Amino acid sequence: MKTRILGAVMGIAALSGLLVPIPAQAKDGVSSASTNVPGSRYGGGSVRTTVDFVNRKKVVFRNFTVRDLCPGDNLPVRAQIVWTHTDGTTGRSAWRKDTNGCGDHGTNFGNITRTGTKPIAKVHLKVQVYARSGGIRAFAYSADRDNQYT
C-alpha cells in the first residue's frame, strides 16, 4: 500500500514539474583582482569581469574593466586574461590599459571573446601597476575559474 501511494505521489510530482533535475554547478561568474603598490602611499589597480564559458573552446569575458585605484599615483595600470588549455599549455590576451586615469569607473573594454582550437580548462585575470620605465611595481592574480564543459 505504501509503495503504491509513494508511486502515485512521485508520478503526480513528476507530471506537475516538481521534480526538476538540478544542473551541475556552473563555474561562470565574476572574477576580479586588485593590487596596491607596496610600501607606498599611492593607490594601485584592479580588474573585473564576468566569465561566461559558452562551450569547451569558447569563453566570453563580459564588461572587462581595468581601473586605476586612487589616490592617483600616475602609474599605468594594465590587465590581461590568462587561459590554460586541457593539455596544460597557456595563452594570454593582449594587455588592456586604464585610460580613465583615477576615475571612479576605470576603462570598460566591453565583451572580450576567446575562441580557440583547443579546449580551455580554466581562466584567470592578471593586473599590474608598472613604472613608466617599464618595471613592474605590483601585480595580482584572480582565482581560477574552471570551464564546466571540459
N, C-alpha and C. Protein backbone atom coordinates (compact mmCIF):
# COMPACT_ATOMS: atom_id res chain seq x y z
N MET A 1 0.81 -1.19 0.00
CA MET A 1 0.00 0.00 0.00
C MET A 1 0.86 1.26 0.00
N LYS A 2 1.89 1.29 0.91
CA LYS A 2 2.76 2.46 0.97
C LYS A 2 3.51 2.66 -0.34
N THR A 3 3.90 1.57 -0.99
CA THR A 3 4.62 1.66 -2.25
C THR A 3 3.73 2.27 -3.32
N ARG A 4 2.45 1.89 -3.34
CA ARG A 4 1.51 2.44 -4.32
C ARG A 4 1.30 3.94 -4.09
N ILE A 5 1.17 4.34 -2.85
CA ILE A 5 0.95 5.76 -2.54
C ILE A 5 2.19 6.57 -2.91
N LEU A 6 3.36 6.04 -2.55
CA LEU A 6 4.61 6.73 -2.90
C LEU A 6 4.75 6.85 -4.42
N GLY A 7 4.41 5.78 -5.13
CA GLY A 7 4.47 5.81 -6.60
C GLY A 7 3.51 6.84 -7.17
N ALA A 8 2.31 6.92 -6.61
CA ALA A 8 1.33 7.90 -7.09
C ALA A 8 1.81 9.32 -6.82
N VAL A 9 2.37 9.56 -5.64
CA VAL A 9 2.87 10.90 -5.30
C VAL A 9 4.01 11.29 -6.23
N MET A 10 4.94 10.37 -6.47
CA MET A 10 6.06 10.65 -7.37
C MET A 10 5.57 10.92 -8.79
N GLY A 11 4.60 10.17 -9.24
CA GLY A 11 4.04 10.37 -10.58
C GLY A 11 3.39 11.73 -10.72
N ILE A 12 2.61 12.12 -9.72
CA ILE A 12 1.95 13.43 -9.75
C ILE A 12 3.00 14.54 -9.69
N ALA A 13 4.00 14.38 -8.83
CA ALA A 13 5.05 15.40 -8.71
C ALA A 13 5.81 15.55 -10.03
N ALA A 14 6.13 14.43 -10.68
CA ALA A 14 6.85 14.50 -11.95
C ALA A 14 6.02 15.17 -13.01
N LEU A 15 4.73 14.86 -13.07
CA LEU A 15 3.86 15.47 -14.07
C LEU A 15 3.65 16.95 -13.81
N SER A 16 3.66 17.35 -12.55
CA SER A 16 3.41 18.75 -12.25
C SER A 16 4.68 19.60 -12.30
N GLY A 17 5.81 18.97 -12.58
CA GLY A 17 7.06 19.72 -12.72
C GLY A 17 7.78 19.95 -11.41
N LEU A 18 7.37 19.29 -10.35
CA LEU A 18 8.04 19.49 -9.08
C LEU A 18 9.40 18.80 -9.01
N LEU A 19 9.56 17.74 -9.76
CA LEU A 19 10.84 17.04 -9.80
C LEU A 19 11.60 17.49 -11.04
N VAL A 20 12.43 18.46 -10.86
CA VAL A 20 13.20 19.01 -11.96
C VAL A 20 14.66 18.67 -11.70
N PRO A 21 15.35 18.09 -12.68
CA PRO A 21 16.76 17.78 -12.44
C PRO A 21 17.55 19.05 -12.22
N ILE A 22 18.46 19.00 -11.29
CA ILE A 22 19.30 20.16 -10.97
C ILE A 22 20.56 20.08 -11.83
N PRO A 23 20.85 21.14 -12.61
CA PRO A 23 22.05 21.10 -13.45
C PRO A 23 23.31 21.14 -12.58
N ALA A 24 24.40 20.71 -13.16
CA ALA A 24 25.68 20.77 -12.46
C ALA A 24 26.02 22.23 -12.15
N GLN A 25 26.72 22.44 -11.07
CA GLN A 25 27.07 23.79 -10.65
C GLN A 25 27.96 24.44 -11.71
N ALA A 26 27.55 25.59 -12.21
CA ALA A 26 28.30 26.31 -13.24
C ALA A 26 29.52 26.98 -12.63
N LYS A 27 30.53 27.15 -13.42
CA LYS A 27 31.76 27.80 -12.97
C LYS A 27 31.83 29.24 -13.45
N ASP A 28 30.80 29.69 -14.16
CA ASP A 28 30.76 31.07 -14.62
C ASP A 28 30.61 32.01 -13.42
N GLY A 29 30.92 33.28 -13.64
CA GLY A 29 30.72 34.26 -12.58
C GLY A 29 31.74 35.37 -12.63
N VAL A 30 31.66 36.24 -11.64
CA VAL A 30 32.53 37.41 -11.58
C VAL A 30 33.92 37.01 -11.12
N SER A 31 34.93 37.52 -11.82
CA SER A 31 36.33 37.36 -11.42
C SER A 31 36.92 38.74 -11.27
N SER A 32 37.78 38.89 -10.27
CA SER A 32 38.43 40.18 -10.07
C SER A 32 39.76 39.99 -9.35
N ALA A 33 40.60 40.99 -9.49
CA ALA A 33 41.88 41.02 -8.79
C ALA A 33 42.24 42.49 -8.59
N SER A 34 42.94 42.77 -7.50
CA SER A 34 43.41 44.14 -7.28
C SER A 34 44.73 44.08 -6.54
N THR A 35 45.50 45.15 -6.70
CA THR A 35 46.81 45.23 -6.06
C THR A 35 47.07 46.67 -5.66
N ASN A 36 47.87 46.82 -4.63
CA ASN A 36 48.36 48.13 -4.21
C ASN A 36 49.87 48.12 -4.33
N VAL A 37 50.43 49.28 -4.58
CA VAL A 37 51.88 49.38 -4.67
C VAL A 37 52.43 49.27 -3.25
N PRO A 38 53.21 48.22 -2.96
CA PRO A 38 53.69 48.02 -1.58
C PRO A 38 54.65 49.11 -1.14
N GLY A 39 54.59 49.44 0.16
CA GLY A 39 55.49 50.42 0.73
C GLY A 39 55.30 51.81 0.17
N SER A 40 54.08 52.09 -0.27
CA SER A 40 53.83 53.37 -0.93
C SER A 40 52.54 53.96 -0.42
N ARG A 41 52.42 55.26 -0.48
CA ARG A 41 51.18 55.92 -0.10
C ARG A 41 50.23 56.01 -1.29
N TYR A 42 50.66 55.45 -2.41
CA TYR A 42 49.88 55.55 -3.64
C TYR A 42 48.83 54.46 -3.72
N GLY A 43 48.05 54.54 -4.75
CA GLY A 43 47.00 53.57 -4.99
C GLY A 43 47.52 52.31 -5.64
N GLY A 44 46.72 51.75 -6.49
CA GLY A 44 47.08 50.52 -7.17
C GLY A 44 46.21 50.35 -8.39
N GLY A 45 45.80 49.11 -8.66
CA GLY A 45 44.97 48.84 -9.82
C GLY A 45 44.07 47.65 -9.59
N SER A 46 43.03 47.55 -10.40
CA SER A 46 42.12 46.42 -10.30
C SER A 46 41.60 46.04 -11.69
N VAL A 47 41.11 44.80 -11.77
CA VAL A 47 40.47 44.31 -12.98
C VAL A 47 39.24 43.52 -12.54
N ARG A 48 38.18 43.57 -13.35
CA ARG A 48 36.94 42.87 -13.02
C ARG A 48 36.23 42.50 -14.32
N THR A 49 35.66 41.29 -14.34
CA THR A 49 34.89 40.83 -15.49
C THR A 49 33.96 39.72 -15.05
N THR A 50 32.97 39.44 -15.86
CA THR A 50 32.11 38.28 -15.64
C THR A 50 32.50 37.23 -16.66
N VAL A 51 32.93 36.06 -16.17
CA VAL A 51 33.36 34.96 -17.03
C VAL A 51 32.14 34.14 -17.42
N ASP A 52 32.00 33.89 -18.72
CA ASP A 52 30.87 33.11 -19.24
C ASP A 52 31.40 32.07 -20.22
N PHE A 53 31.57 30.83 -19.73
CA PHE A 53 32.00 29.74 -20.61
C PHE A 53 30.82 29.35 -21.50
N VAL A 54 31.04 29.35 -22.80
CA VAL A 54 29.99 29.02 -23.77
C VAL A 54 30.03 27.54 -24.13
N ASN A 55 31.24 27.02 -24.30
CA ASN A 55 31.43 25.60 -24.58
C ASN A 55 32.89 25.25 -24.24
N ARG A 56 33.39 24.12 -24.72
CA ARG A 56 34.74 23.68 -24.38
C ARG A 56 35.83 24.62 -24.90
N LYS A 57 35.56 25.31 -26.02
CA LYS A 57 36.60 26.10 -26.67
C LYS A 57 36.31 27.60 -26.72
N LYS A 58 35.23 28.02 -26.10
CA LYS A 58 34.86 29.43 -26.19
C LYS A 58 34.45 29.97 -24.82
N VAL A 59 34.98 31.15 -24.50
CA VAL A 59 34.64 31.83 -23.26
C VAL A 59 34.50 33.32 -23.56
N VAL A 60 33.50 33.95 -22.95
CA VAL A 60 33.26 35.39 -23.11
C VAL A 60 33.53 36.06 -21.77
N PHE A 61 34.29 37.14 -21.81
CA PHE A 61 34.57 37.95 -20.63
C PHE A 61 33.74 39.22 -20.77
N ARG A 62 32.70 39.33 -19.98
CA ARG A 62 31.74 40.43 -20.12
C ARG A 62 32.14 41.63 -19.25
N ASN A 63 32.07 42.81 -19.86
CA ASN A 63 32.40 44.07 -19.18
C ASN A 63 33.79 44.01 -18.53
N PHE A 64 34.78 43.68 -19.33
CA PHE A 64 36.17 43.62 -18.86
C PHE A 64 36.61 45.04 -18.53
N THR A 65 36.85 45.30 -17.23
CA THR A 65 37.13 46.66 -16.77
C THR A 65 38.44 46.73 -16.00
N VAL A 66 39.29 47.66 -16.39
CA VAL A 66 40.57 47.91 -15.73
C VAL A 66 40.48 49.27 -15.07
N ARG A 67 40.93 49.35 -13.82
CA ARG A 67 40.76 50.60 -13.07
C ARG A 67 42.02 50.96 -12.29
N ASP A 68 42.38 52.23 -12.36
CA ASP A 68 43.46 52.79 -11.55
C ASP A 68 42.85 53.17 -10.21
N LEU A 69 43.35 52.58 -9.13
CA LEU A 69 42.80 52.87 -7.80
C LEU A 69 43.46 54.11 -7.21
N CYS A 70 42.66 54.94 -6.60
CA CYS A 70 43.12 56.20 -6.03
C CYS A 70 43.67 55.98 -4.63
N PRO A 71 44.51 56.86 -4.11
CA PRO A 71 44.85 58.14 -4.71
C PRO A 71 45.73 57.95 -5.95
N GLY A 72 45.60 58.88 -6.85
CA GLY A 72 46.33 58.77 -8.11
C GLY A 72 47.83 58.81 -7.91
N ASP A 73 48.51 57.89 -8.53
CA ASP A 73 49.97 57.84 -8.43
C ASP A 73 50.61 58.06 -9.80
N ASN A 74 49.78 58.27 -10.79
CA ASN A 74 50.23 58.47 -12.17
C ASN A 74 51.02 57.28 -12.71
N LEU A 75 50.84 56.11 -12.10
CA LEU A 75 51.47 54.90 -12.62
C LEU A 75 50.44 54.15 -13.47
N PRO A 76 50.82 53.70 -14.66
CA PRO A 76 49.88 53.00 -15.53
C PRO A 76 49.41 51.67 -14.91
N VAL A 77 48.17 51.32 -15.19
CA VAL A 77 47.58 50.06 -14.74
C VAL A 77 47.16 49.30 -15.98
N ARG A 78 47.48 48.01 -16.00
CA ARG A 78 47.07 47.19 -17.13
C ARG A 78 46.67 45.81 -16.63
N ALA A 79 45.87 45.12 -17.45
CA ALA A 79 45.39 43.79 -17.07
C ALA A 79 45.28 42.92 -18.32
N GLN A 80 45.30 41.61 -18.10
CA GLN A 80 45.14 40.67 -19.19
C GLN A 80 44.43 39.41 -18.70
N ILE A 81 43.97 38.63 -19.66
CA ILE A 81 43.32 37.36 -19.40
C ILE A 81 44.34 36.26 -19.67
N VAL A 82 44.37 35.26 -18.80
CA VAL A 82 45.26 34.10 -18.98
C VAL A 82 44.39 32.86 -18.98
N TRP A 83 44.58 32.01 -19.99
CA TRP A 83 43.81 30.77 -20.05
C TRP A 83 44.76 29.58 -20.10
N THR A 84 44.29 28.46 -19.57
CA THR A 84 45.04 27.22 -19.59
C THR A 84 44.22 26.18 -20.35
N HIS A 85 44.85 25.58 -21.34
CA HIS A 85 44.18 24.53 -22.12
C HIS A 85 44.21 23.21 -21.35
N THR A 86 43.40 22.28 -21.78
CA THR A 86 43.34 20.98 -21.11
C THR A 86 44.65 20.21 -21.24
N ASP A 87 45.48 20.55 -22.23
CA ASP A 87 46.79 19.88 -22.36
C ASP A 87 47.88 20.56 -21.54
N GLY A 88 47.52 21.59 -20.76
CA GLY A 88 48.46 22.27 -19.88
C GLY A 88 49.13 23.50 -20.46
N THR A 89 49.01 23.73 -21.78
CA THR A 89 49.59 24.93 -22.37
C THR A 89 48.75 26.14 -21.98
N THR A 90 49.38 27.31 -22.01
CA THR A 90 48.67 28.54 -21.64
C THR A 90 48.71 29.55 -22.76
N GLY A 91 47.80 30.50 -22.68
CA GLY A 91 47.76 31.62 -23.61
C GLY A 91 47.37 32.87 -22.85
N ARG A 92 47.63 34.01 -23.46
CA ARG A 92 47.34 35.29 -22.83
C ARG A 92 46.74 36.25 -23.84
N SER A 93 45.85 37.09 -23.35
CA SER A 93 45.28 38.13 -24.20
C SER A 93 46.26 39.30 -24.27
N ALA A 94 45.93 40.24 -25.12
CA ALA A 94 46.68 41.49 -25.15
C ALA A 94 46.42 42.24 -23.84
N TRP A 95 47.38 43.07 -23.46
CA TRP A 95 47.19 43.91 -22.28
C TRP A 95 46.14 44.97 -22.57
N ARG A 96 45.29 45.25 -21.60
CA ARG A 96 44.32 46.35 -21.68
C ARG A 96 44.70 47.34 -20.59
N LYS A 97 44.80 48.64 -20.96
CA LYS A 97 45.24 49.67 -20.02
C LYS A 97 44.09 50.59 -19.66
N ASP A 98 44.08 51.03 -18.41
CA ASP A 98 43.10 52.02 -17.96
C ASP A 98 43.50 53.37 -18.55
N THR A 99 42.59 53.95 -19.30
CA THR A 99 42.86 55.26 -19.90
C THR A 99 42.01 56.35 -19.25
N ASN A 100 41.31 56.00 -18.17
CA ASN A 100 40.42 56.92 -17.49
C ASN A 100 41.10 57.57 -16.30
N GLY A 101 42.41 57.39 -16.16
CA GLY A 101 43.12 57.98 -15.03
C GLY A 101 42.60 57.43 -13.71
N CYS A 102 42.42 58.32 -12.78
CA CYS A 102 41.97 57.92 -11.44
C CYS A 102 40.45 58.08 -11.32
N GLY A 103 39.74 57.72 -12.37
CA GLY A 103 38.29 57.85 -12.37
C GLY A 103 37.61 56.78 -11.54
N ASP A 104 36.36 57.01 -11.24
CA ASP A 104 35.59 56.09 -10.40
C ASP A 104 35.29 54.76 -11.08
N HIS A 105 35.23 54.75 -12.40
CA HIS A 105 34.74 53.56 -13.09
C HIS A 105 35.82 52.82 -13.88
N GLY A 106 36.98 53.37 -14.05
CA GLY A 106 38.01 52.71 -14.84
C GLY A 106 37.65 52.74 -16.32
N THR A 107 38.29 51.87 -17.09
CA THR A 107 38.04 51.76 -18.52
C THR A 107 37.37 50.42 -18.78
N ASN A 108 36.17 50.46 -19.34
CA ASN A 108 35.42 49.24 -19.65
C ASN A 108 35.67 48.90 -21.11
N PHE A 109 36.22 47.72 -21.35
CA PHE A 109 36.52 47.28 -22.71
C PHE A 109 35.40 46.45 -23.32
N GLY A 110 34.26 46.41 -22.66
CA GLY A 110 33.12 45.65 -23.18
C GLY A 110 33.37 44.16 -23.07
N ASN A 111 32.84 43.42 -24.04
CA ASN A 111 32.99 41.96 -24.04
C ASN A 111 34.20 41.54 -24.86
N ILE A 112 34.95 40.61 -24.31
CA ILE A 112 36.10 40.03 -25.00
C ILE A 112 35.83 38.54 -25.14
N THR A 113 35.91 38.03 -26.36
CA THR A 113 35.64 36.61 -26.61
C THR A 113 36.94 35.89 -26.95
N ARG A 114 37.14 34.75 -26.32
CA ARG A 114 38.29 33.89 -26.63
C ARG A 114 37.74 32.59 -27.19
N THR A 115 38.08 32.32 -28.45
CA THR A 115 37.72 31.07 -29.11
C THR A 115 39.00 30.50 -29.70
N GLY A 116 39.24 29.24 -29.46
CA GLY A 116 40.45 28.62 -29.98
C GLY A 116 40.18 27.24 -30.54
N THR A 117 41.24 26.57 -30.93
CA THR A 117 41.11 25.22 -31.47
C THR A 117 41.25 24.17 -30.39
N LYS A 118 41.82 24.55 -29.23
CA LYS A 118 41.99 23.62 -28.12
C LYS A 118 40.97 23.93 -27.01
N PRO A 119 40.54 22.89 -26.30
CA PRO A 119 39.63 23.13 -25.17
C PRO A 119 40.32 23.96 -24.07
N ILE A 120 39.56 24.85 -23.47
CA ILE A 120 40.05 25.71 -22.39
C ILE A 120 39.63 25.09 -21.06
N ALA A 121 40.59 24.78 -20.21
CA ALA A 121 40.30 24.16 -18.91
C ALA A 121 39.93 25.19 -17.85
N LYS A 122 40.67 26.32 -17.84
CA LYS A 122 40.42 27.34 -16.82
C LYS A 122 40.99 28.68 -17.26
N VAL A 123 40.53 29.73 -16.60
CA VAL A 123 40.99 31.09 -16.89
C VAL A 123 41.23 31.83 -15.58
N HIS A 124 42.07 32.86 -15.65
CA HIS A 124 42.20 33.80 -14.54
C HIS A 124 42.65 35.15 -15.11
N LEU A 125 42.63 36.17 -14.27
CA LEU A 125 42.99 37.53 -14.66
C LEU A 125 44.30 37.92 -14.00
N LYS A 126 45.04 38.80 -14.65
CA LYS A 126 46.25 39.36 -14.07
C LYS A 126 46.16 40.87 -14.19
N VAL A 127 46.47 41.57 -13.11
CA VAL A 127 46.52 43.04 -13.12
C VAL A 127 47.87 43.45 -12.59
N GLN A 128 48.42 44.52 -13.18
CA GLN A 128 49.69 45.03 -12.66
C GLN A 128 49.78 46.53 -12.80
N VAL A 129 50.50 47.10 -11.87
CA VAL A 129 50.83 48.52 -11.88
C VAL A 129 52.31 48.56 -12.22
N TYR A 130 52.67 49.37 -13.17
CA TYR A 130 54.08 49.40 -13.56
C TYR A 130 54.59 50.82 -13.66
N ALA A 131 55.88 50.94 -13.46
CA ALA A 131 56.54 52.24 -13.51
C ALA A 131 56.65 52.69 -14.95
N ARG A 132 56.78 53.96 -15.16
CA ARG A 132 56.90 54.50 -16.51
C ARG A 132 58.13 53.94 -17.23
N SER A 133 59.13 53.55 -16.48
CA SER A 133 60.33 52.99 -17.09
C SER A 133 60.10 51.55 -17.55
N GLY A 134 58.95 50.99 -17.23
CA GLY A 134 58.62 49.64 -17.68
C GLY A 134 58.71 48.59 -16.60
N GLY A 135 59.32 48.90 -15.47
CA GLY A 135 59.42 47.92 -14.39
C GLY A 135 58.08 47.73 -13.69
N ILE A 136 57.81 46.52 -13.27
CA ILE A 136 56.55 46.23 -12.58
C ILE A 136 56.67 46.66 -11.13
N ARG A 137 55.70 47.41 -10.65
CA ARG A 137 55.68 47.86 -9.26
C ARG A 137 54.89 46.90 -8.37
N ALA A 138 53.78 46.38 -8.89
CA ALA A 138 52.93 45.47 -8.11
C ALA A 138 52.03 44.70 -9.08
N PHE A 139 51.65 43.47 -8.70
CA PHE A 139 50.75 42.69 -9.55
C PHE A 139 49.93 41.74 -8.69
N ALA A 140 48.84 41.23 -9.27
CA ALA A 140 47.98 40.27 -8.57
C ALA A 140 47.24 39.43 -9.60
N TYR A 141 46.81 38.24 -9.16
CA TYR A 141 46.04 37.31 -9.99
C TYR A 141 44.69 37.06 -9.34
N SER A 142 43.69 36.86 -10.16
CA SER A 142 42.39 36.42 -9.64
C SER A 142 42.44 34.91 -9.41
N ALA A 143 41.43 34.40 -8.75
CA ALA A 143 41.30 32.96 -8.59
C ALA A 143 40.96 32.35 -9.96
N ASP A 144 41.34 31.09 -10.15
CA ASP A 144 41.00 30.38 -11.39
C ASP A 144 39.49 30.15 -11.46
N ARG A 145 38.97 30.19 -12.68
CA ARG A 145 37.59 29.77 -12.96
C ARG A 145 37.69 28.58 -13.89
N ASP A 146 37.12 27.46 -13.47
CA ASP A 146 37.17 26.22 -14.25
C ASP A 146 36.04 26.19 -15.28
N ASN A 147 36.34 25.65 -16.44
CA ASN A 147 35.34 25.50 -17.51
C ASN A 147 34.51 24.27 -17.21
N GLN A 148 33.23 24.46 -17.01
CA GLN A 148 32.33 23.35 -16.67
C GLN A 148 32.07 22.41 -17.86
N TYR A 149 32.49 22.80 -19.07
CA TYR A 149 32.27 21.96 -20.25
C TYR A 149 33.42 21.01 -20.54
N THR A 150 34.53 21.13 -19.80
CA THR A 150 35.67 20.24 -20.04
C THR A 150 35.76 19.17 -18.98
